[in-house]
Amino acid sequence: GCGGSGSGSDGTGAKSPGYTSAKQVAEKLKCTYYSPDFGAEGATDSGACQFAGDQVVVAWFKTAKVAKAYYAQHHVAYASGYGDAFLYGTNWALECPRLATCGSARKVLGGKLVGPQKNS
C-alpha cells in the first residue's frame, strides 16, 4: 500500500485509532468469516464478516473526504426507508442489518451510532 504520504495528520492524534484497511477494523472487531473486496459503494476498501449473528459490512476510507461522501450517500438512502444501521469512526464505517448489532460493535470499536431513519 501507499501508507506514508505524511500529508494531513488528521486522525493520528485522535482517541480512536486510524486503521489502514477494512480488514484491520474487522480484526479489531473480532468478527468471523471475513471476506475481502466486498465492493461497498463509496469505500476505499471493504469486506463482509459475521458479527453477533449478523453479516456486517466493514468499510474503510483513505481520506476524510471519501468518508464524508460515503456518509452523505448512505444517509440520502435513508430518506427512502433504508433499514440498516451504521457505526462511523474516523476513517471507517460498519453497516449492520440491526441497530443492536452495531450497538454491540460500538462497545469494541467506539464511533458514532446512526440508526435507520424510521418514522417511529
PDB file of N, CA and C in Angstrom:
ATOM      1  N   GLY A   1       0.822  -1.208   0.000  1.00  0.00           N
ATOM      2  CA  GLY A   1       0.000   0.000   0.000  1.00  0.00           C
ATOM      3  C   GLY A   1       0.846   1.243   0.000  1.00  0.00           C
ATOM      4  N   CYS A   2       0.171   2.390  -0.073  1.00  0.00           N
ATOM      5  CA  CYS A   2       0.923   3.649  -0.067  1.00  0.00           C
ATOM      6  C   CYS A   2       0.569   4.381   1.209  1.00  0.00           C
ATOM      7  N   GLY A   3       1.120   3.928   2.324  1.00  0.00           N
ATOM      8  CA  GLY A   3       0.727   4.491   3.604  1.00  0.00           C
ATOM      9  C   GLY A   3       1.787   5.363   4.235  1.00  0.00           C
ATOM     10  N   GLY A   4       2.365   6.294   3.489  1.00  0.00           N
ATOM     11  CA  GLY A   4       3.345   7.156   4.127  1.00  0.00           C
ATOM     12  C   GLY A   4       3.426   8.519   3.475  1.00  0.00           C
ATOM     13  N   SER A   5       2.276   9.061   3.067  1.00  0.00           N
ATOM     14  CA  SER A   5       2.283  10.341   2.361  1.00  0.00           C
ATOM     15  C   SER A   5       2.628  11.490   3.302  1.00  0.00           C
ATOM     16  N   GLY A   6       2.197  11.358   4.550  1.00  0.00           N
ATOM     17  CA  GLY A   6       2.524  12.395   5.529  1.00  0.00           C
ATOM     18  C   GLY A   6       1.697  13.662   5.379  1.00  0.00           C
ATOM     19  N   SER A   7       0.889  13.760   4.353  1.00  0.00           N
ATOM     20  CA  SER A   7       0.096  14.969   4.176  1.00  0.00           C
ATOM     21  C   SER A   7      -1.185  14.869   4.980  1.00  0.00           C
ATOM     22  N   GLY A   8      -1.460  15.877   5.805  1.00  0.00           N
ATOM     23  CA  GLY A   8      -2.672  15.875   6.595  1.00  0.00           C
ATOM     24  C   GLY A   8      -2.592  14.883   7.729  1.00  0.00           C
ATOM     25  N   SER A   9      -2.447  15.374   8.951  1.00  0.00           N
ATOM     26  CA  SER A   9      -2.261  14.468  10.065  1.00  0.00           C
ATOM     27  C   SER A   9      -3.563  14.229  10.800  1.00  0.00           C
ATOM     28  N   ASP A  10      -4.713  14.400  10.116  1.00  0.00           N
ATOM     29  CA  ASP A  10      -5.953  14.246  10.874  1.00  0.00           C
ATOM     30  C   ASP A  10      -6.178  12.786  11.234  1.00  0.00           C
ATOM     31  N   GLY A  11      -6.614  12.585  12.477  1.00  0.00           N
ATOM     32  CA  GLY A  11      -6.878  11.232  12.932  1.00  0.00           C
ATOM     33  C   GLY A  11      -5.721  10.582  13.668  1.00  0.00           C
ATOM     34  N   THR A  12      -4.495  11.054  13.448  1.00  0.00           N
ATOM     35  CA  THR A  12      -3.355  10.372  14.064  1.00  0.00           C
ATOM     36  C   THR A  12      -3.305  10.581  15.568  1.00  0.00           C
ATOM     37  N   GLY A  13      -3.701  11.774  16.020  1.00  0.00           N
ATOM     38  CA  GLY A  13      -3.672  12.029  17.455  1.00  0.00           C
ATOM     39  C   GLY A  13      -5.020  11.793  18.104  1.00  0.00           C
ATOM     40  N   ALA A  14      -5.973  11.340  17.323  1.00  0.00           N
ATOM     41  CA  ALA A  14      -7.328  11.151  17.833  1.00  0.00           C
ATOM     42  C   ALA A  14      -7.399   9.962  18.786  1.00  0.00           C
ATOM     43  N   LYS A  15      -8.440   9.963  19.589  1.00  0.00           N
ATOM     44  CA  LYS A  15      -8.607   8.889  20.567  1.00  0.00           C
ATOM     45  C   LYS A  15      -8.818   7.545  19.882  1.00  0.00           C
ATOM     46  N   SER A  16      -9.661   7.528  18.856  1.00  0.00           N
ATOM     47  CA  SER A  16      -9.879   6.253  18.178  1.00  0.00           C
ATOM     48  C   SER A  16      -8.801   6.063  17.128  1.00  0.00           C
ATOM     49  N   PRO A  17      -8.236   4.869  17.076  1.00  0.00           N
ATOM     50  CA  PRO A  17      -7.097   4.649  16.188  1.00  0.00           C
ATOM     51  C   PRO A  17      -7.486   4.760  14.722  1.00  0.00           C
ATOM     52  N   GLY A  18      -6.558   5.228  13.905  1.00  0.00           N
ATOM     53  CA  GLY A  18      -6.800   5.272  12.482  1.00  0.00           C
ATOM     54  C   GLY A  18      -6.391   3.928  11.905  1.00  0.00           C
ATOM     55  N   TYR A  19      -7.313   3.252  11.271  1.00  0.00           N
ATOM     56  CA  TYR A  19      -6.996   1.956  10.680  1.00  0.00           C
ATOM     57  C   TYR A  19      -6.454   2.146   9.268  1.00  0.00           C
ATOM     58  N   THR A  20      -5.775   1.128   8.764  1.00  0.00           N
ATOM     59  CA  THR A  20      -5.192   1.243   7.435  1.00  0.00           C
ATOM     60  C   THR A  20      -5.876   0.346   6.406  1.00  0.00           C
ATOM     61  N   SER A  21      -6.870  -0.422   6.840  1.00  0.00           N
ATOM     62  CA  SER A  21      -7.630  -1.257   5.913  1.00  0.00           C
ATOM     63  C   SER A  21      -8.923  -1.703   6.579  1.00  0.00           C
ATOM     64  N   ALA A  22      -9.857  -2.180   5.770  1.00  0.00           N
ATOM     65  CA  ALA A  22     -11.109  -2.710   6.317  1.00  0.00           C
ATOM     66  C   ALA A  22     -10.829  -3.953   7.164  1.00  0.00           C
ATOM     67  N   LYS A  23      -9.861  -4.745   6.726  1.00  0.00           N
ATOM     68  CA  LYS A  23      -9.524  -5.981   7.441  1.00  0.00           C
ATOM     69  C   LYS A  23      -9.039  -5.670   8.861  1.00  0.00           C
ATOM     70  N   GLN A  24      -8.315  -4.573   9.008  1.00  0.00           N
ATOM     71  CA  GLN A  24      -7.810  -4.196  10.324  1.00  0.00           C
ATOM     72  C   GLN A  24      -8.961  -3.869  11.279  1.00  0.00           C
ATOM     73  N   VAL A  25      -9.973  -3.213  10.743  1.00  0.00           N
ATOM     74  CA  VAL A  25     -11.161  -2.904  11.541  1.00  0.00           C
ATOM     75  C   VAL A  25     -11.859  -4.211  11.931  1.00  0.00           C
ATOM     76  N   ALA A  26     -11.975  -5.115  10.975  1.00  0.00           N
ATOM     77  CA  ALA A  26     -12.616  -6.415  11.219  1.00  0.00           C
ATOM     78  C   ALA A  26     -11.859  -7.223  12.269  1.00  0.00           C
ATOM     79  N   GLU A  27     -10.528  -7.147  12.227  1.00  0.00           N
ATOM     80  CA  GLU A  27      -9.708  -7.868  13.207  1.00  0.00           C
ATOM     81  C   GLU A  27      -9.899  -7.305  14.602  1.00  0.00           C
ATOM     82  N   LYS A  28     -10.002  -5.983  14.681  1.00  0.00           N
ATOM     83  CA  LYS A  28     -10.242  -5.331  15.971  1.00  0.00           C
ATOM     84  C   LYS A  28     -11.616  -5.729  16.512  1.00  0.00           C
ATOM     85  N   LEU A  29     -12.574  -5.829  15.604  1.00  0.00           N
ATOM     86  CA  LEU A  29     -13.933  -6.216  15.983  1.00  0.00           C
ATOM     87  C   LEU A  29     -14.015  -7.701  16.340  1.00  0.00           C
ATOM     88  N   LYS A  30     -13.031  -8.469  15.858  1.00  0.00           N
ATOM     89  CA  LYS A  30     -13.010  -9.922  16.029  1.00  0.00           C
ATOM     90  C   LYS A  30     -14.230 -10.590  15.394  1.00  0.00           C
ATOM     91  N   CYS A  31     -14.623 -10.096  14.233  1.00  0.00           N
ATOM     92  CA  CYS A  31     -15.726 -10.756  13.539  1.00  0.00           C
ATOM     93  C   CYS A  31     -15.157 -11.958  12.769  1.00  0.00           C
ATOM     94  N   THR A  32     -16.018 -12.877  12.399  1.00  0.00           N
ATOM     95  CA  THR A  32     -15.548 -14.126  11.802  1.00  0.00           C
ATOM     96  C   THR A  32     -15.907 -14.221  10.328  1.00  0.00           C
ATOM     97  N   TYR A  33     -15.276 -15.153   9.646  1.00  0.00           N
ATOM     98  CA  TYR A  33     -15.507 -15.406   8.224  1.00  0.00           C
ATOM     99  C   TYR A  33     -15.348 -14.146   7.377  1.00  0.00           C
ATOM    100  N   TYR A  34     -14.289 -13.408   7.630  1.00  0.00           N
ATOM    101  CA  TYR A  34     -14.071 -12.172   6.876  1.00  0.00           C
ATOM    102  C   TYR A  34     -13.818 -12.471   5.405  1.00  0.00           C
ATOM    103  N   SER A  35     -14.563 -11.824   4.533  1.00  0.00           N
ATOM    104  CA  SER A  35     -14.284 -11.941   3.098  1.00  0.00           C
ATOM    105  C   SER A  35     -13.985 -10.564   2.533  1.00  0.00           C
ATOM    106  N   PRO A  36     -12.793 -10.390   1.967  1.00  0.00           N
ATOM    107  CA  PRO A  36     -12.354  -9.084   1.490  1.00  0.00           C
ATOM    108  C   PRO A  36     -13.024  -8.691   0.172  1.00  0.00           C
ATOM    109  N   ASP A  37     -12.730  -7.483  -0.255  1.00  0.00           N
ATOM    110  CA  ASP A  37     -13.194  -6.986  -1.557  1.00  0.00           C
ATOM    111  C   ASP A  37     -14.702  -7.097  -1.709  1.00  0.00           C
ATOM    112  N   PHE A  38     -15.398  -6.617  -0.715  1.00  0.00           N
ATOM    113  CA  PHE A  38     -16.862  -6.663  -0.747  1.00  0.00           C
ATOM    114  C   PHE A  38     -17.406  -5.715  -1.815  1.00  0.00           C
ATOM    115  N   GLY A  39     -16.682  -4.628  -2.053  1.00  0.00           N
ATOM    116  CA  GLY A  39     -17.112  -3.673  -3.068  1.00  0.00           C
ATOM    117  C   GLY A  39     -18.198  -2.728  -2.598  1.00  0.00           C
ATOM    118  N   ALA A  40     -18.169  -2.345  -1.321  1.00  0.00           N
ATOM    119  CA  ALA A  40     -19.148  -1.386  -0.816  1.00  0.00           C
ATOM    120  C   ALA A  40     -18.996  -0.073  -1.580  1.00  0.00           C
ATOM    121  N   GLU A  41     -20.096   0.415  -2.088  1.00  0.00           N
ATOM    122  CA  GLU A  41     -20.070   1.624  -2.903  1.00  0.00           C
ATOM    123  C   GLU A  41     -19.556   2.811  -2.094  1.00  0.00           C
ATOM    124  N   GLY A  42     -18.562   3.495  -2.624  1.00  0.00           N
ATOM    125  CA  GLY A  42     -18.033   4.680  -1.967  1.00  0.00           C
ATOM    126  C   GLY A  42     -16.916   4.421  -0.969  1.00  0.00           C
ATOM    127  N   ALA A  43     -16.567   3.145  -0.758  1.00  0.00           N
ATOM    128  CA  ALA A  43     -15.495   2.831   0.198  1.00  0.00           C
ATOM    129  C   ALA A  43     -14.179   2.579  -0.536  1.00  0.00           C
ATOM    130  N   THR A  44     -13.065   2.936   0.091  1.00  0.00           N
ATOM    131  CA  THR A  44     -11.753   2.653  -0.481  1.00  0.00           C
ATOM    132  C   THR A  44     -11.488   1.156  -0.426  1.00  0.00           C
ATOM    133  N   ASP A  45     -11.868   0.552   0.696  1.00  0.00           N
ATOM    134  CA  ASP A  45     -11.662  -0.880   0.909  1.00  0.00           C
ATOM    135  C   ASP A  45     -12.831  -1.365   1.754  1.00  0.00           C
ATOM    136  N   SER A  46     -13.312  -2.562   1.483  1.00  0.00           N
ATOM    137  CA  SER A  46     -14.417  -3.070   2.293  1.00  0.00           C
ATOM    138  C   SER A  46     -14.434  -4.594   2.316  1.00  0.00           C
ATOM    139  N   GLY A  47     -15.086  -5.125   3.307  1.00  0.00           N
ATOM    140  CA  GLY A  47     -15.208  -6.567   3.440  1.00  0.00           C
ATOM    141  C   GLY A  47     -16.463  -6.893   4.230  1.00  0.00           C
ATOM    142  N   ALA A  48     -16.850  -8.167   4.201  1.00  0.00           N
ATOM    143  CA  ALA A  48     -18.014  -8.602   4.961  1.00  0.00           C
ATOM    144  C   ALA A  48     -17.583  -9.673   5.946  1.00  0.00           C
ATOM    145  N   CYS A  49     -18.240  -9.700   7.091  1.00  0.00           N
ATOM    146  CA  CYS A  49     -17.947 -10.738   8.071  1.00  0.00           C
ATOM    147  C   CYS A  49     -19.143 -10.964   8.974  1.00  0.00           C
ATOM    148  N   GLN A  50     -19.044 -11.988   9.800  1.00  0.00           N
ATOM    149  CA  GLN A  50     -20.109 -12.324  10.746  1.00  0.00           C
ATOM    150  C   GLN A  50     -19.798 -11.719  12.110  1.00  0.00           C
ATOM    151  N   PHE A  51     -20.778 -11.005  12.661  1.00  0.00           N
ATOM    152  CA  PHE A  51     -20.606 -10.438  13.994  1.00  0.00           C
ATOM    153  C   PHE A  51     -21.953 -10.482  14.714  1.00  0.00           C
ATOM    154  N   ALA A  52     -21.952 -11.009  15.923  1.00  0.00           N
ATOM    155  CA  ALA A  52     -23.170 -11.090  16.740  1.00  0.00           C
ATOM    156  C   ALA A  52     -24.327 -11.724  15.978  1.00  0.00           C
ATOM    157  N   GLY A  53     -24.016 -12.715  15.163  1.00  0.00           N
ATOM    158  CA  GLY A  53     -25.056 -13.439  14.451  1.00  0.00           C
ATOM    159  C   GLY A  53     -25.549 -12.811  13.159  1.00  0.00           C
ATOM    160  N   ASP A  54     -24.980 -11.671  12.798  1.00  0.00           N
ATOM    161  CA  ASP A  54     -25.385 -10.987  11.576  1.00  0.00           C
ATOM    162  C   ASP A  54     -24.213 -10.840  10.613  1.00  0.00           C
ATOM    163  N   GLN A  55     -24.512 -10.697   9.322  1.00  0.00           N
ATOM    164  CA  GLN A  55     -23.448 -10.316   8.392  1.00  0.00           C
ATOM    165  C   GLN A  55     -23.339  -8.804   8.420  1.00  0.00           C
ATOM    166  N   VAL A  56     -22.154  -8.319   8.658  1.00  0.00           N
ATOM    167  CA  VAL A  56     -21.913  -6.879   8.670  1.00  0.00           C
ATOM    168  C   VAL A  56     -20.915  -6.524   7.574  1.00  0.00           C
ATOM    169  N   VAL A  57     -20.978  -5.292   7.126  1.00  0.00           N
ATOM    170  CA  VAL A  57     -20.058  -4.820   6.105  1.00  0.00           C
ATOM    171  C   VAL A  57     -19.125  -3.789   6.732  1.00  0.00           C
ATOM    172  N   VAL A  58     -17.825  -4.029   6.586  1.00  0.00           N
ATOM    173  CA  VAL A  58     -16.818  -3.123   7.105  1.00  0.00           C
ATOM    174  C   VAL A  58     -16.298  -2.285   5.937  1.00  0.00           C
ATOM    175  N   ALA A  59     -16.363  -0.977   6.082  1.00  0.00           N
ATOM    176  CA  ALA A  59     -15.860  -0.095   5.025  1.00  0.00           C
ATOM    177  C   ALA A  59     -14.727   0.757   5.580  1.00  0.00           C
ATOM    178  N   TRP A  60     -13.717   0.990   4.757  1.00  0.00           N
ATOM    179  CA  TRP A  60     -12.571   1.805   5.179  1.00  0.00           C
ATOM    180  C   TRP A  60     -12.341   2.897   4.137  1.00  0.00           C
ATOM    181  N   PHE A  61     -11.927   4.060   4.597  1.00  0.00           N
ATOM    182  CA  PHE A  61     -11.763   5.210   3.715  1.00  0.00           C
ATOM    183  C   PHE A  61     -10.358   5.779   3.779  1.00  0.00           C
ATOM    184  N   LYS A  62      -9.810   6.054   2.613  1.00  0.00           N
ATOM    185  CA  LYS A  62      -8.444   6.565   2.523  1.00  0.00           C
ATOM    186  C   LYS A  62      -8.341   7.990   3.051  1.00  0.00           C
ATOM    187  N   THR A  63      -9.386   8.787   2.839  1.00  0.00           N
ATOM    188  CA  THR A  63      -9.364  10.178   3.292  1.00  0.00           C
ATOM    189  C   THR A  63     -10.688  10.539   3.954  1.00  0.00           C
ATOM    190  N   ALA A  64     -10.660  11.644   4.687  1.00  0.00           N
ATOM    191  CA  ALA A  64     -11.877  12.137   5.340  1.00  0.00           C
ATOM    192  C   ALA A  64     -12.919  12.516   4.295  1.00  0.00           C
ATOM    193  N   LYS A  65     -12.448  12.967   3.148  1.00  0.00           N
ATOM    194  CA  LYS A  65     -13.357  13.359   2.072  1.00  0.00           C
ATOM    195  C   LYS A  65     -14.145  12.154   1.557  1.00  0.00           C
ATOM    196  N   VAL A  66     -13.457  11.033   1.410  1.00  0.00           N
ATOM    197  CA  VAL A  66     -14.107   9.794   0.970  1.00  0.00           C
ATOM    198  C   VAL A  66     -15.123   9.337   2.022  1.00  0.00           C
ATOM    199  N   ALA A  67     -14.737   9.428   3.284  1.00  0.00           N
ATOM    200  CA  ALA A  67     -15.616   9.036   4.385  1.00  0.00           C
ATOM    201  C   ALA A  67     -16.875   9.897   4.403  1.00  0.00           C
ATOM    202  N   LYS A  68     -16.694  11.197   4.186  1.00  0.00           N
ATOM    203  CA  LYS A  68     -17.805  12.140   4.198  1.00  0.00           C
ATOM    204  C   LYS A  68     -18.792  11.839   3.066  1.00  0.00           C
ATOM    205  N   ALA A  69     -18.234  11.505   1.901  1.00  0.00           N
ATOM    206  CA  ALA A  69     -19.065  11.197   0.740  1.00  0.00           C
ATOM    207  C   ALA A  69     -19.880   9.921   0.981  1.00  0.00           C
ATOM    208  N   TYR A  70     -19.243   8.934   1.606  1.00  0.00           N
ATOM    209  CA  TYR A  70     -19.918   7.666   1.926  1.00  0.00           C
ATOM    210  C   TYR A  70     -21.066   7.936   2.898  1.00  0.00           C
ATOM    211  N   TYR A  71     -20.777   8.739   3.906  1.00  0.00           N
ATOM    212  CA  TYR A  71     -21.782   9.091   4.911  1.00  0.00           C
ATOM    213  C   TYR A  71     -22.976   9.773   4.250  1.00  0.00           C
ATOM    214  N   ALA A  72     -22.698  10.766   3.417  1.00  0.00           N
ATOM    215  CA  ALA A  72     -23.758  11.518   2.741  1.00  0.00           C
ATOM    216  C   ALA A  72     -24.596  10.596   1.857  1.00  0.00           C
ATOM    217  N   GLN A  73     -23.902   9.745   1.121  1.00  0.00           N
ATOM    218  CA  GLN A  73     -24.573   8.827   0.204  1.00  0.00           C
ATOM    219  C   GLN A  73     -25.531   7.889   0.942  1.00  0.00           C
ATOM    220  N   HIS A  74     -25.070   7.342   2.046  1.00  0.00           N
ATOM    221  CA  HIS A  74     -25.893   6.381   2.763  1.00  0.00           C
ATOM    222  C   HIS A  74     -27.016   7.030   3.549  1.00  0.00           C
ATOM    223  N   HIS A  75     -26.895   8.300   3.841  1.00  0.00           N
ATOM    224  CA  HIS A  75     -27.975   8.952   4.569  1.00  0.00           C
ATOM    225  C   HIS A  75     -29.000   9.587   3.653  1.00  0.00           C
ATOM    226  N   VAL A  76     -28.633   9.705   2.395  1.00  0.00           N
ATOM    227  CA  VAL A  76     -29.640  10.039   1.388  1.00  0.00           C
ATOM    228  C   VAL A  76     -30.515   8.808   1.190  1.00  0.00           C
ATOM    229  N   ALA A  77     -29.874   7.641   1.194  1.00  0.00           N
ATOM    230  CA  ALA A  77     -30.600   6.382   1.038  1.00  0.00           C
ATOM    231  C   ALA A  77     -31.614   6.180   2.159  1.00  0.00           C
ATOM    232  N   TYR A  78     -31.295   6.676   3.350  1.00  0.00           N
ATOM    233  CA  TYR A  78     -32.204   6.546   4.485  1.00  0.00           C
ATOM    234  C   TYR A  78     -33.551   7.197   4.232  1.00  0.00           C
ATOM    235  N   ALA A  79     -33.531   8.302   3.486  1.00  0.00           N
ATOM    236  CA  ALA A  79     -34.761   9.033   3.221  1.00  0.00           C
ATOM    237  C   ALA A  79     -35.785   8.143   2.514  1.00  0.00           C
ATOM    238  N   SER A  80     -35.270   7.145   1.788  1.00  0.00           N
ATOM    239  CA  SER A  80     -36.174   6.242   1.084  1.00  0.00           C
ATOM    240  C   SER A  80     -36.452   4.968   1.888  1.00  0.00           C
ATOM    241  N   GLY A  81     -36.269   5.053   3.202  1.00  0.00           N
ATOM    242  CA  GLY A  81     -36.644   3.945   4.069  1.00  0.00           C
ATOM    243  C   GLY A  81     -35.643   2.807   4.150  1.00  0.00           C
ATOM    244  N   TYR A  82     -34.369   3.126   3.988  1.00  0.00           N
ATOM    245  CA  TYR A  82     -33.300   2.145   4.076  1.00  0.00           C
ATOM    246  C   TYR A  82     -33.194   1.678   5.516  1.00  0.00           C
ATOM    247  N   GLY A  83     -33.229   0.368   5.738  1.00  0.00           N
ATOM    248  CA  GLY A  83     -33.366  -0.115   7.108  1.00  0.00           C
ATOM    249  C   GLY A  83     -32.115  -0.442   7.896  1.00  0.00           C
ATOM    250  N   ASP A  84     -30.934  -0.302   7.299  1.00  0.00           N
ATOM    251  CA  ASP A  84     -29.716  -0.700   8.010  1.00  0.00           C
ATOM    252  C   ASP A  84     -29.237   0.365   8.994  1.00  0.00           C
ATOM    253  N   ALA A  85     -28.447  -0.087   9.955  1.00  0.00           N
ATOM    254  CA  ALA A  85     -27.836   0.823  10.914  1.00  0.00           C
ATOM    255  C   ALA A  85     -26.355   0.951  10.569  1.00  0.00           C
ATOM    256  N   PHE A  86     -25.742   2.056  10.985  1.00  0.00           N
ATOM    257  CA  PHE A  86     -24.337   2.299  10.704  1.00  0.00           C
ATOM    258  C   PHE A  86     -23.590   2.723  11.957  1.00  0.00           C
ATOM    259  N   LEU A  87     -22.301   2.396  11.953  1.00  0.00           N
ATOM    260  CA  LEU A  87     -21.404   2.852  13.000  1.00  0.00           C
ATOM    261  C   LEU A  87     -20.258   3.539  12.286  1.00  0.00           C
ATOM    262  N   TYR A  88     -20.009   4.808  12.620  1.00  0.00           N
ATOM    263  CA  TYR A  88     -18.972   5.569  11.929  1.00  0.00           C
ATOM    264  C   TYR A  88     -17.800   5.881  12.831  1.00  0.00           C
ATOM    265  N   GLY A  89     -16.595   5.632  12.330  1.00  0.00           N
ATOM    266  CA  GLY A  89     -15.381   6.002  13.044  1.00  0.00           C
ATOM    267  C   GLY A  89     -14.657   7.082  12.272  1.00  0.00           C
ATOM    268  N   THR A  90     -13.401   7.315  12.609  1.00  0.00           N
ATOM    269  CA  THR A  90     -12.637   8.376  11.970  1.00  0.00           C
ATOM    270  C   THR A  90     -12.442   8.125  10.479  1.00  0.00           C
ATOM    271  N   ASN A  91     -12.079   6.903  10.123  1.00  0.00           N
ATOM    272  CA  ASN A  91     -11.849   6.606   8.697  1.00  0.00           C
ATOM    273  C   ASN A  91     -12.410   5.242   8.315  1.00  0.00           C
ATOM    274  N   TRP A  92     -13.489   4.857   8.997  1.00  0.00           N
ATOM    275  CA  TRP A  92     -14.118   3.563   8.739  1.00  0.00           C
ATOM    276  C   TRP A  92     -15.604   3.643   9.060  1.00  0.00           C
ATOM    277  N   ALA A  93     -16.345   2.655   8.579  1.00  0.00           N
ATOM    278  CA  ALA A  93     -17.764   2.554   8.908  1.00  0.00           C
ATOM    279  C   ALA A  93     -18.154   1.079   8.941  1.00  0.00           C
ATOM    280  N   LEU A  94     -19.180   0.795   9.700  1.00  0.00           N
ATOM    281  CA  LEU A  94     -19.698  -0.555   9.784  1.00  0.00           C
ATOM    282  C   LEU A  94     -21.182  -0.476   9.460  1.00  0.00           C
ATOM    283  N   GLU A  95     -21.641  -1.360   8.588  1.00  0.00           N
ATOM    284  CA  GLU A  95     -23.067  -1.407   8.256  1.00  0.00           C
ATOM    285  C   GLU A  95     -23.644  -2.688   8.813  1.00  0.00           C
ATOM    286  N   CYS A  96     -24.749  -2.558   9.559  1.00  0.00           N
ATOM    287  CA  CYS A  96     -25.362  -3.705  10.219  1.00  0.00           C
ATOM    288  C   CYS A  96     -26.836  -3.791   9.851  1.00  0.00           C
ATOM    289  N   PRO A  97     -27.361  -5.025   9.748  1.00  0.00           N
ATOM    290  CA  PRO A  97     -28.779  -5.162   9.455  1.00  0.00           C
ATOM    291  C   PRO A  97     -29.670  -4.765  10.632  1.00  0.00           C
ATOM    292  N   ARG A  98     -29.096  -4.778  11.828  1.00  0.00           N
ATOM    293  CA  ARG A  98     -29.864  -4.382  13.012  1.00  0.00           C
ATOM    294  C   ARG A  98     -29.076  -3.377  13.850  1.00  0.00           C
ATOM    295  N   LEU A  99     -29.802  -2.443  14.444  1.00  0.00           N
ATOM    296  CA  LEU A  99     -29.176  -1.422  15.285  1.00  0.00           C
ATOM    297  C   LEU A  99     -28.424  -2.048  16.459  1.00  0.00           C
ATOM    298  N   ALA A 100     -29.000  -3.098  17.047  1.00  0.00           N
ATOM    299  CA  ALA A 100     -28.378  -3.754  18.209  1.00  0.00           C
ATOM    300  C   ALA A 100     -26.995  -4.320  17.870  1.00  0.00           C
ATOM    301  N   THR A 101     -26.849  -4.795  16.634  1.00  0.00           N
ATOM    302  CA  THR A 101     -25.569  -5.365  16.210  1.00  0.00           C
ATOM    303  C   THR A 101     -24.492  -4.288  16.158  1.00  0.00           C
ATOM    304  N   CYS A 102     -24.827  -3.148  15.552  1.00  0.00           N
ATOM    305  CA  CYS A 102     -23.876  -2.032  15.514  1.00  0.00           C
ATOM    306  C   CYS A 102     -23.637  -1.489  16.921  1.00  0.00           C
ATOM    307  N   GLY A 103     -24.647  -1.593  17.778  1.00  0.00           N
ATOM    308  CA  GLY A 103     -24.506  -1.163  19.168  1.00  0.00           C
ATOM    309  C   GLY A 103     -23.470  -2.004  19.904  1.00  0.00           C
ATOM    310  N   SER A 104     -23.502  -3.304  19.659  1.00  0.00           N
ATOM    311  CA  SER A 104     -22.511  -4.206  20.261  1.00  0.00           C
ATOM    312  C   SER A 104     -21.121  -3.913  19.718  1.00  0.00           C
ATOM    313  N   ALA A 105     -21.046  -3.632  18.420  1.00  0.00           N
ATOM    314  CA  ALA A 105     -19.759  -3.337  17.790  1.00  0.00           C
ATOM    315  C   ALA A 105     -19.167  -2.044  18.352  1.00  0.00           C
ATOM    316  N   ARG A 106     -20.039  -1.110  18.716  1.00  0.00           N
ATOM    317  CA  ARG A 106     -19.582   0.168  19.244  1.00  0.00           C
ATOM    318  C   ARG A 106     -18.821  -0.006  20.559  1.00  0.00           C
ATOM    319  N   LYS A 107     -19.195  -1.021  21.336  1.00  0.00           N
ATOM    320  CA  LYS A 107     -18.502  -1.297  22.601  1.00  0.00           C
ATOM    321  C   LYS A 107     -17.048  -1.679  22.361  1.00  0.00           C
ATOM    322  N   VAL A 108     -16.785  -2.232  21.181  1.00  0.00           N
ATOM    323  CA  VAL A 108     -15.428  -2.654  20.834  1.00  0.00           C
ATOM    324  C   VAL A 108     -14.688  -1.542  20.077  1.00  0.00           C
ATOM    325  N   LEU A 109     -15.362  -0.946  19.101  1.00  0.00           N
ATOM    326  CA  LEU A 109     -14.701  -0.021  18.182  1.00  0.00           C
ATOM    327  C   LEU A 109     -14.874   1.455  18.519  1.00  0.00           C
ATOM    328  N   GLY A 110     -15.880   1.768  19.341  1.00  0.00           N
ATOM    329  CA  GLY A 110     -16.212   3.168  19.541  1.00  0.00           C
ATOM    330  C   GLY A 110     -16.948   3.670  18.315  1.00  0.00           C
ATOM    331  N   GLY A 111     -16.981   4.976  18.116  1.00  0.00           N
ATOM    332  CA  GLY A 111     -17.622   5.521  16.939  1.00  0.00           C
ATOM    333  C   GLY A 111     -19.002   6.079  17.212  1.00  0.00           C
ATOM    334  N   LYS A 112     -19.622   6.546  16.141  1.00  0.00           N
ATOM    335  CA  LYS A 112     -20.927   7.193  16.228  1.00  0.00           C
ATOM    336  C   LYS A 112     -21.979   6.275  15.626  1.00  0.00           C
ATOM    337  N   LEU A 113     -22.972   5.942  16.432  1.00  0.00           N
ATOM    338  CA  LEU A 113     -24.016   5.025  16.008  1.00  0.00           C
ATOM    339  C   LEU A 113     -25.149   5.804  15.339  1.00  0.00           C
ATOM    340  N   VAL A 114     -25.514   5.369  14.139  1.00  0.00           N
ATOM    341  CA  VAL A 114     -26.611   6.011  13.416  1.00  0.00           C
ATOM    342  C   VAL A 114     -27.627   4.949  13.033  1.00  0.00           C
ATOM    343  N   GLY A 115     -28.813   5.066  13.589  1.00  0.00           N
ATOM    344  CA  GLY A 115     -29.847   4.071  13.334  1.00  0.00           C
ATOM    345  C   GLY A 115     -30.630   4.367  12.079  1.00  0.00           C
ATOM    346  N   PRO A 116     -31.454   3.410  11.668  1.00  0.00           N
ATOM    347  CA  PRO A 116     -32.283   3.638  10.490  1.00  0.00           C
ATOM    348  C   PRO A 116     -33.270   4.766  10.766  1.00  0.00           C
ATOM    349  N   GLN A 117     -33.450   5.627   9.790  1.00  0.00           N
ATOM    350  CA  GLN A 117     -34.331   6.776   9.974  1.00  0.00           C
ATOM    351  C   GLN A 117     -35.769   6.349   9.724  1.00  0.00           C
ATOM    352  N   LYS A 118     -36.327   5.661  10.674  1.00  0.00           N
ATOM    353  CA  LYS A 118     -37.711   5.262  10.543  1.00  0.00           C
ATOM    354  C   LYS A 118     -38.573   6.267  11.306  1.00  0.00           C
ATOM    355  N   ASN A 119     -39.727   6.527  10.800  1.00  0.00           N
ATOM    356  CA  ASN A 119     -40.607   7.473  11.483  1.00  0.00           C
ATOM    357  C   ASN A 119     -41.341   6.759  12.604  1.00  0.00           C
ATOM    358  N   SER A 120     -40.624   6.532  13.701  1.00  0.00           N
ATOM    359  CA  SER A 120     -41.252   5.827  14.817  1.00  0.00           C
ATOM    360  C   SER A 120     -41.714   6.834  15.853  1.00  0.00           C
TER     361      SER A 120
END
